[in-house]
Amino acid sequence: MEPAKGMLVLVCGWTVAAAFTALRTISQRTNVTSADGNRFPAPASWAAEGYR
């Protein structure tokens, strides 16, 4: 979870809280656990959904 969160902060310029929220939301929507974080889909709608 930490590496994925760190990449979102670095690449997208998000806050740590926004990155965590994004990962948690995607995990819940896709039924993928945070332990499988490297397999999360990367929806194009993240920016539109306010994960900044």
Protein backbone atom coordinates (compact mmCIF):
# COMPACT_ATOMS: atom_id res chain seq x y z
CA MET A 1 0.00 0.00 0.00
CA GLU A 2 2.77 2.46 0.87
CA PRO A 3 4.57 2.16 -2.48
CA ALA A 4 1.33 2.66 -4.42
CA LYS A 5 0.38 5.62 -2.24
CA GLY A 6 3.83 7.12 -2.66
CA MET A 7 3.65 6.82 -6.44
CA LEU A 8 0.30 8.62 -6.54
CA VAL A 9 1.74 11.42 -4.42
CA LEU A 10 4.84 11.67 -6.61
CA VAL A 11 3.31 11.22 -10.06
CA CYS A 12 -0.07 12.87 -9.58
CA GLY A 13 0.91 15.49 -7.03
CA TRP A 14 -1.83 14.33 -4.66
CA THR A 15 -1.72 14.63 -0.89
CA VAL A 16 -1.08 11.46 1.10
CA ALA A 17 -4.69 11.56 2.31
CA ALA A 18 -6.05 11.85 -1.25
CA ALA A 19 -3.86 8.98 -2.43
CA PHE A 20 -5.04 6.77 0.43
CA THR A 21 -8.67 7.67 -0.30
CA ALA A 22 -8.20 6.83 -3.98
CA LEU A 23 -6.64 3.46 -3.22
CA ARG A 24 -9.31 2.63 -0.66
CA THR A 25 -12.11 3.64 -3.06
CA ILE A 26 -10.70 1.62 -5.95
CA SER A 27 -10.18 -1.36 -3.65
CA GLN A 28 -13.82 -1.24 -2.59
CA ARG A 29 -15.16 -0.74 -6.12
CA THR A 30 -13.10 -3.52 -7.66
CA ASN A 31 -13.11 -5.94 -4.71
CA VAL A 32 -9.29 -5.99 -4.76
CA THR A 33 -7.58 -5.91 -1.39
CA SER A 34 -4.94 -3.34 -0.61
CA ALA A 35 -2.44 -6.22 -0.39
CA ASP A 36 -2.96 -6.60 -4.15
CA GLY A 37 -2.33 -2.89 -4.69
CA ASN A 38 0.04 -3.41 -7.58
CA ARG A 39 -2.88 -4.87 -9.54
CA PHE A 40 -5.30 -1.94 -9.09
CA PRO A 41 -6.79 -0.68 -12.31
CA ALA A 42 -5.96 2.94 -13.03
CA PRO A 43 -9.22 4.57 -14.08
CA ALA A 44 -8.99 7.72 -16.15
CA SER A 45 -11.74 9.22 -14.02
CA TRP A 46 -9.56 9.66 -10.90
CA ALA A 47 -8.79 13.29 -11.63
CA ALA A 48 -12.43 13.99 -12.47
CA GLU A 49 -13.49 12.44 -9.15
CA GLY A 50 -11.39 14.92 -7.19
CA TYR A 51 -8.46 12.80 -6.00
CA ARG A 52 -6.10 15.77 -5.89
